[in-house]
PDB file of N, CA and C in Angstrom:
ATOM      1  N   MET A   1       7.232  -9.631  -4.491  1.00  0.00           N
ATOM      2  CA  MET A   1       6.738  -8.791  -3.594  1.00  0.00           C
ATOM      3  C   MET A   1       5.239  -8.402  -3.312  1.00  0.00           C
ATOM      4  N   LEU A   2       4.443  -8.570  -4.350  1.00  0.00           N
ATOM      5  CA  LEU A   2       3.031  -8.109  -4.435  1.00  0.00           C
ATOM      6  C   LEU A   2       2.420  -9.121  -3.508  1.00  0.00           C
ATOM      7  N   GLU A   3       2.833 -10.477  -3.299  1.00  0.00           N
ATOM      8  CA  GLU A   3       2.299 -11.322  -2.420  1.00  0.00           C
ATOM      9  C   GLU A   3       2.674 -11.086  -0.943  1.00  0.00           C
ATOM     10  N   TYR A   4       3.727 -10.509  -0.868  1.00  0.00           N
ATOM     11  CA  TYR A   4       4.277 -10.134   0.469  1.00  0.00           C
ATOM     12  C   TYR A   4       3.599  -9.034   1.039  1.00  0.00           C
ATOM     13  N   ALA A   5       3.096  -8.146   0.202  1.00  0.00           N
ATOM     14  CA  ALA A   5       2.382  -6.895   0.695  1.00  0.00           C
ATOM     15  C   ALA A   5       0.969  -7.358   0.970  1.00  0.00           C
ATOM     16  N   LYS A   6       0.560  -8.229   0.303  1.00  0.00           N
ATOM     17  CA  LYS A   6      -0.931  -8.801   0.478  1.00  0.00           C
ATOM     18  C   LYS A   6      -0.856  -9.548   1.868  1.00  0.00           C
ATOM     19  N   VAL A   7       0.060  -9.886   2.288  1.00  0.00           N
ATOM     20  CA  VAL A   7       0.223 -10.574   3.623  1.00  0.00           C
ATOM     21  C   VAL A   7       0.455  -9.583   4.671  1.00  0.00           C
ATOM     22  N   ILE A   8       1.378  -8.855   4.407  1.00  0.00           N
ATOM     23  CA  ILE A   8       1.882  -7.886   5.455  1.00  0.00           C
ATOM     24  C   ILE A   8       0.875  -6.700   5.856  1.00  0.00           C
ATOM     25  N   LEU A   9       0.303  -6.177   4.900  1.00  0.00           N
ATOM     26  CA  LEU A   9      -0.490  -4.947   5.070  1.00  0.00           C
ATOM     27  C   LEU A   9      -1.640  -5.118   6.029  1.00  0.00           C
ATOM     28  N   PRO A  10      -2.506  -6.465   5.632  1.00  0.00           N
ATOM     29  CA  PRO A  10      -3.595  -6.358   6.463  1.00  0.00           C
ATOM     30  C   PRO A  10      -3.105  -6.728   8.159  1.00  0.00           C
ATOM     31  N   LYS A  11      -1.961  -7.410   8.315  1.00  0.00           N
ATOM     32  CA  LYS A  11      -1.424  -7.491   9.688  1.00  0.00           C
ATOM     33  C   LYS A  11      -1.118  -6.217  10.453  1.00  0.00           C
ATOM     34  N   VAL A  12      -0.771  -5.304   9.540  1.00  0.00           N
ATOM     35  CA  VAL A  12      -0.321  -3.930  10.366  1.00  0.00           C
ATOM     36  C   VAL A  12      -1.446  -2.836  10.180  1.00  0.00           C
ATOM     37  N   SER A  13      -2.523  -3.363   9.602  1.00  0.00           N
ATOM     38  CA  SER A  13      -3.756  -2.183   9.430  1.00  0.00           C
ATOM     39  C   SER A  13      -4.394  -1.694  10.789  1.00  0.00           C
ATOM     40  N   PHE A  14      -4.090  -2.493  11.666  1.00  0.00           N
ATOM     41  CA  PHE A  14      -4.551  -1.804  13.021  1.00  0.00           C
ATOM     42  C   PHE A  14      -4.015  -0.322  13.496  1.00  0.00           C
ATOM     43  N   SER A  15      -2.757  -0.347  13.024  1.00  0.00           N
ATOM     44  CA  SER A  15      -1.999   1.024  13.253  1.00  0.00           C
ATOM     45  C   SER A  15      -1.980   1.674  12.217  1.00  0.00           C
ATOM     46  N   ARG A  16      -2.151   3.156  12.179  1.00  0.00           N
ATOM     47  CA  ARG A  16      -2.247   3.866  10.941  1.00  0.00           C
ATOM     48  C   ARG A  16      -1.016   4.198  10.693  1.00  0.00           C
ATOM     49  N   GLU A  17      -0.058   4.546  11.726  1.00  0.00           N
ATOM     50  CA  GLU A  17       1.457   4.874  11.379  1.00  0.00           C
ATOM     51  C   GLU A  17       2.178   3.580  10.904  1.00  0.00           C
ATOM     52  N   LEU A  18       2.083   2.626  11.450  1.00  0.00           N
ATOM     53  CA  LEU A  18       2.702   1.094  11.055  1.00  0.00           C
ATOM     54  C   LEU A  18       2.159   0.912   9.602  1.00  0.00           C
ATOM     55  N   PHE A  19       0.827   1.088   9.329  1.00  0.00           N
ATOM     56  CA  PHE A  19       0.294   0.829   7.987  1.00  0.00           C
ATOM     57  C   PHE A  19       1.188   1.818   6.851  1.00  0.00           C
ATOM     58  N   ARG A  20       1.350   3.083   7.359  1.00  0.00           N
ATOM     59  CA  ARG A  20       1.825   4.028   6.381  1.00  0.00           C
ATOM     60  C   ARG A  20       3.371   3.527   6.047  1.00  0.00           C
ATOM     61  N   LYS A  21       3.886   3.126   7.059  1.00  0.00           N
ATOM     62  CA  LYS A  21       5.401   2.853   6.784  1.00  0.00           C
ATOM     63  C   LYS A  21       5.615   1.653   5.907  1.00  0.00           C
ATOM     64  N   GLU A  22       4.743   0.741   6.386  1.00  0.00           N
ATOM     65  CA  GLU A  22       4.801  -0.569   5.532  1.00  0.00           C
ATOM     66  C   GLU A  22       4.360  -0.414   4.039  1.00  0.00           C
ATOM     67  N   LEU A  23       3.391   0.259   3.936  1.00  0.00           N
ATOM     68  CA  LEU A  23       2.932   0.606   2.737  1.00  0.00           C
ATOM     69  C   LEU A  23       3.835   1.242   1.644  1.00  0.00           C
ATOM     70  N   ALA A  24       4.713   2.177   2.423  1.00  0.00           N
ATOM     71  CA  ALA A  24       5.804   2.916   1.603  1.00  0.00           C
ATOM     72  C   ALA A  24       6.908   1.971   1.298  1.00  0.00           C
ATOM     73  N   LYS A  25       7.094   1.000   2.300  1.00  0.00           N
ATOM     74  CA  LYS A  25       8.053  -0.015   1.778  1.00  0.00           C
ATOM     75  C   LYS A  25       7.648  -0.881   0.574  1.00  0.00           C
ATOM     76  N   CYS A  26       6.319  -1.337   0.818  1.00  0.00           N
ATOM     77  CA  CYS A  26       5.777  -2.313  -0.370  1.00  0.00           C
ATOM     78  C   CYS A  26       5.952  -1.408  -1.698  1.00  0.00           C
ATOM     79  N   ILE A  27       5.550  -0.400  -1.595  1.00  0.00           N
ATOM     80  CA  ILE A  27       5.502   0.477  -2.976  1.00  0.00           C
ATOM     81  C   ILE A  27       6.903   0.491  -3.530  1.00  0.00           C
ATOM     82  N   ASN A  28       7.865   0.873  -2.449  1.00  0.00           N
ATOM     83  CA  ASN A  28       9.250   0.677  -3.165  1.00  0.00           C
ATOM     84  C   ASN A  28       9.902  -0.492  -3.357  1.00  0.00           C
ATOM     85  N   TRP A  29       9.170  -1.420  -2.839  1.00  0.00           N
ATOM     86  CA  TRP A  29       9.935  -2.923  -3.354  1.00  0.00           C
ATOM     87  C   TRP A  29       9.150  -3.512  -4.291  1.00  0.00           C
ATOM     88  N   VAL A  30       7.967  -3.337  -4.896  1.00  0.00           N
ATOM     89  CA  VAL A  30       7.389  -3.952  -5.984  1.00  0.00           C
ATOM     90  C   VAL A  30       7.824  -3.418  -7.230  1.00  0.00           C
ATOM     91  N   GLY A  31       7.957  -4.228  -8.243  1.00  0.00           N
ATOM     92  CA  GLY A  31       8.443  -3.856  -9.616  1.00  0.00           C
ATOM     93  C   GLY A  31       7.380  -3.145 -10.184  1.00  0.00           C
ATOM     94  N   GLU A  32       7.848  -2.156 -11.299  1.00  0.00           N
ATOM     95  CA  GLU A  32       6.992  -1.257 -12.025  1.00  0.00           C
ATOM     96  C   GLU A  32       5.567  -1.954 -12.587  1.00  0.00           C
ATOM     97  N   SER A  33       5.870  -3.305 -12.880  1.00  0.00           N
ATOM     98  CA  SER A  33       4.792  -3.986 -13.527  1.00  0.00           C
ATOM     99  C   SER A  33       3.827  -4.346 -12.496  1.00  0.00           C
ATOM    100  N   GLU A  34       4.003  -4.319 -11.234  1.00  0.00           N
ATOM    101  CA  GLU A  34       3.095  -4.734 -10.317  1.00  0.00           C
ATOM    102  C   GLU A  34       2.719  -3.534  -9.232  1.00  0.00           C
ATOM    103  N   ILE A  35       3.227  -2.379  -9.479  1.00  0.00           N
ATOM    104  CA  ILE A  35       2.526  -1.284  -8.843  1.00  0.00           C
ATOM    105  C   ILE A  35       0.993  -1.089  -9.126  1.00  0.00           C
ATOM    106  N   GLY A  36       0.644  -1.255 -10.281  1.00  0.00           N
ATOM    107  CA  GLY A  36      -0.898  -1.036 -10.548  1.00  0.00           C
ATOM    108  C   GLY A  36      -1.743  -1.992  -9.765  1.00  0.00           C
ATOM    109  N   HIS A  37      -1.186  -3.172  -9.610  1.00  0.00           N
ATOM    110  CA  HIS A  37      -2.037  -4.247  -8.999  1.00  0.00           C
ATOM    111  C   HIS A  37      -1.992  -3.998  -7.603  1.00  0.00           C
ATOM    112  N   LEU A  38      -0.906  -3.368  -7.007  1.00  0.00           N
ATOM    113  CA  LEU A  38      -0.637  -3.279  -5.756  1.00  0.00           C
ATOM    114  C   LEU A  38      -1.823  -2.057  -5.263  1.00  0.00           C
ATOM    115  N   LYS A  39      -1.672  -1.099  -6.167  1.00  0.00           N
ATOM    116  CA  LYS A  39      -2.605   0.149  -5.884  1.00  0.00           C
ATOM    117  C   LYS A  39      -4.284  -0.294  -5.894  1.00  0.00           C
ATOM    118  N   GLU A  40      -4.411  -0.932  -6.898  1.00  0.00           N
ATOM    119  CA  GLU A  40      -5.913  -1.586  -7.061  1.00  0.00           C
ATOM    120  C   GLU A  40      -6.247  -2.227  -5.782  1.00  0.00           C
ATOM    121  N   TRP A  41      -5.298  -3.245  -5.454  1.00  0.00           N
ATOM    122  CA  TRP A  41      -5.591  -4.184  -4.245  1.00  0.00           C
ATOM    123  C   TRP A  41      -5.633  -3.414  -2.919  1.00  0.00           C
ATOM    124  N   CYS A  42      -4.766  -2.342  -2.868  1.00  0.00           N
ATOM    125  CA  CYS A  42      -4.960  -1.505  -1.446  1.00  0.00           C
ATOM    126  C   CYS A  42      -6.113  -0.620  -1.546  1.00  0.00           C
ATOM    127  N   PHE A  43      -6.462  -0.150  -2.519  1.00  0.00           N
ATOM    128  CA  PHE A  43      -7.835   0.733  -2.421  1.00  0.00           C
ATOM    129  C   PHE A  43      -9.105  -0.303  -2.403  1.00  0.00           C
ATOM    130  N   GLU A  44      -8.854  -1.390  -2.826  1.00  0.00           N
ATOM    131  CA  GLU A  44     -10.143  -2.249  -2.635  1.00  0.00           C
ATOM    132  C   GLU A  44     -10.114  -2.796  -1.306  1.00  0.00           C
ATOM    133  N   ASN A  45      -9.141  -2.955  -0.541  1.00  0.00           N
ATOM    134  CA  ASN A  45      -9.163  -3.368   0.864  1.00  0.00           C
ATOM    135  C   ASN A  45      -8.933  -2.558   1.846  1.00  0.00           C
ATOM    136  N   PHE A  46      -8.531  -1.361   1.652  1.00  0.00           N
ATOM    137  CA  PHE A  46      -8.283  -0.176   2.710  1.00  0.00           C
ATOM    138  C   PHE A  46      -8.521   1.014   2.481  1.00  0.00           C
ATOM    139  N   LYS A  47      -9.460   1.250   1.531  1.00  0.00           N
ATOM    140  CA  LYS A  47     -10.126   2.498   1.176  1.00  0.00           C
ATOM    141  C   LYS A  47     -11.086   3.238   2.231  1.00  0.00           C
ATOM    142  N   GLU A  48     -11.506   2.502   2.723  1.00  0.00           N
ATOM    143  CA  GLU A  48     -12.556   2.938   3.876  1.00  0.00           C
ATOM    144  C   GLU A  48     -11.450   3.446   5.237  1.00  0.00           C
ATOM    145  N   MET A  49     -10.450   2.523   5.292  1.00  0.00           N
ATOM    146  CA  MET A  49      -9.751   2.729   6.671  1.00  0.00           C
ATOM    147  C   MET A  49      -8.875   4.008   6.522  1.00  0.00           C
ATOM    148  N   TYR A  50      -7.975   4.085   5.426  1.00  0.00           N
ATOM    149  CA  TYR A  50      -6.944   4.812   5.156  1.00  0.00           C
ATOM    150  C   TYR A  50      -6.779   5.612   3.657  1.00  0.00           C
ATOM    151  N   PRO A  51      -7.938   6.202   3.211  1.00  0.00           N
ATOM    152  CA  PRO A  51      -7.969   6.745   1.975  1.00  0.00           C
ATOM    153  C   PRO A  51      -6.842   7.846   1.765  1.00  0.00           C
ATOM    154  N   ASP A  52      -6.520   8.672   2.788  1.00  0.00           N
ATOM    155  CA  ASP A  52      -5.713   9.876   2.732  1.00  0.00           C
ATOM    156  C   ASP A  52      -4.303   9.151   2.728  1.00  0.00           C
ATOM    157  N   ILE A  53      -3.887   8.117   3.221  1.00  0.00           N
ATOM    158  CA  ILE A  53      -2.639   7.395   3.161  1.00  0.00           C
ATOM    159  C   ILE A  53      -2.558   6.857   1.784  1.00  0.00           C
ATOM    160  N   LEU A  54      -3.361   6.200   1.457  1.00  0.00           N
ATOM    161  CA  LEU A  54      -3.356   5.516   0.238  1.00  0.00           C
ATOM    162  C   LEU A  54      -3.039   6.557  -1.065  1.00  0.00           C
ATOM    163  N   THR A  55      -3.851   7.569  -0.835  1.00  0.00           N
ATOM    164  CA  THR A  55      -3.725   8.621  -2.024  1.00  0.00           C
ATOM    165  C   THR A  55      -2.408   9.272  -1.998  1.00  0.00           C
ATOM    166  N   SER A  56      -1.900   9.487  -0.876  1.00  0.00           N
ATOM    167  CA  SER A  56      -0.398  10.308  -0.752  1.00  0.00           C
ATOM    168  C   SER A  56       0.540   9.205  -1.303  1.00  0.00           C
ATOM    169  N   ALA A  57       0.366   7.983  -0.753  1.00  0.00           N
ATOM    170  CA  ALA A  57       1.630   7.116  -0.821  1.00  0.00           C
ATOM    171  C   ALA A  57       1.731   6.655  -2.417  1.00  0.00           C
ATOM    172  N   PHE A  58       0.503   6.544  -2.952  1.00  0.00           N
ATOM    173  CA  PHE A  58       0.673   6.260  -4.522  1.00  0.00           C
ATOM    174  C   PHE A  58       0.898   7.355  -5.299  1.00  0.00           C
ATOM    175  N   ALA A  59       0.590   8.754  -4.958  1.00  0.00           N
ATOM    176  CA  ALA A  59       0.947   9.876  -5.622  1.00  0.00           C
ATOM    177  C   ALA A  59       2.558  10.054  -5.628  1.00  0.00           C
ATOM    178  N   MET A  60       3.036   9.744  -4.443  1.00  0.00           N
ATOM    179  CA  MET A  60       4.344   9.946  -4.382  1.00  0.00           C
ATOM    180  C   MET A  60       5.288   9.039  -5.271  1.00  0.00           C
ATOM    181  N   LYS A  61       4.692   7.754  -5.479  1.00  0.00           N
ATOM    182  CA  LYS A  61       5.249   6.900  -6.311  1.00  0.00           C
ATOM    183  C   LYS A  61       5.259   7.285  -7.873  1.00  0.00           C
ATOM    184  N   VAL A  62       4.202   8.195  -8.277  1.00  0.00           N
ATOM    185  CA  VAL A  62       3.953   8.412  -9.712  1.00  0.00           C
ATOM    186  C   VAL A  62       4.987   9.728 -10.124  1.00  0.00           C
ATOM    187  N   ALA A  63       5.130  10.531  -8.811  1.00  0.00           N
ATOM    188  CA  ALA A  63       5.959  11.673  -8.979  1.00  0.00           C
ATOM    189  C   ALA A  63       7.535  11.447  -9.132  1.00  0.00           C
TER     190      ALA A  63
END
């Protein structure tokens, strides 16, 4: 699922709302062992575009 996220998220990054929805799906789909890798990859690639979405999406997963 991590590889799927790496394919789909760049494709939907043009739309803030679509990116938020797909990121939430990806977070729910990846296994616990992959969540750290997904978070790291997302912040490396989308930190400048959507820092608020990333922060809130990954904070919800931890909670």
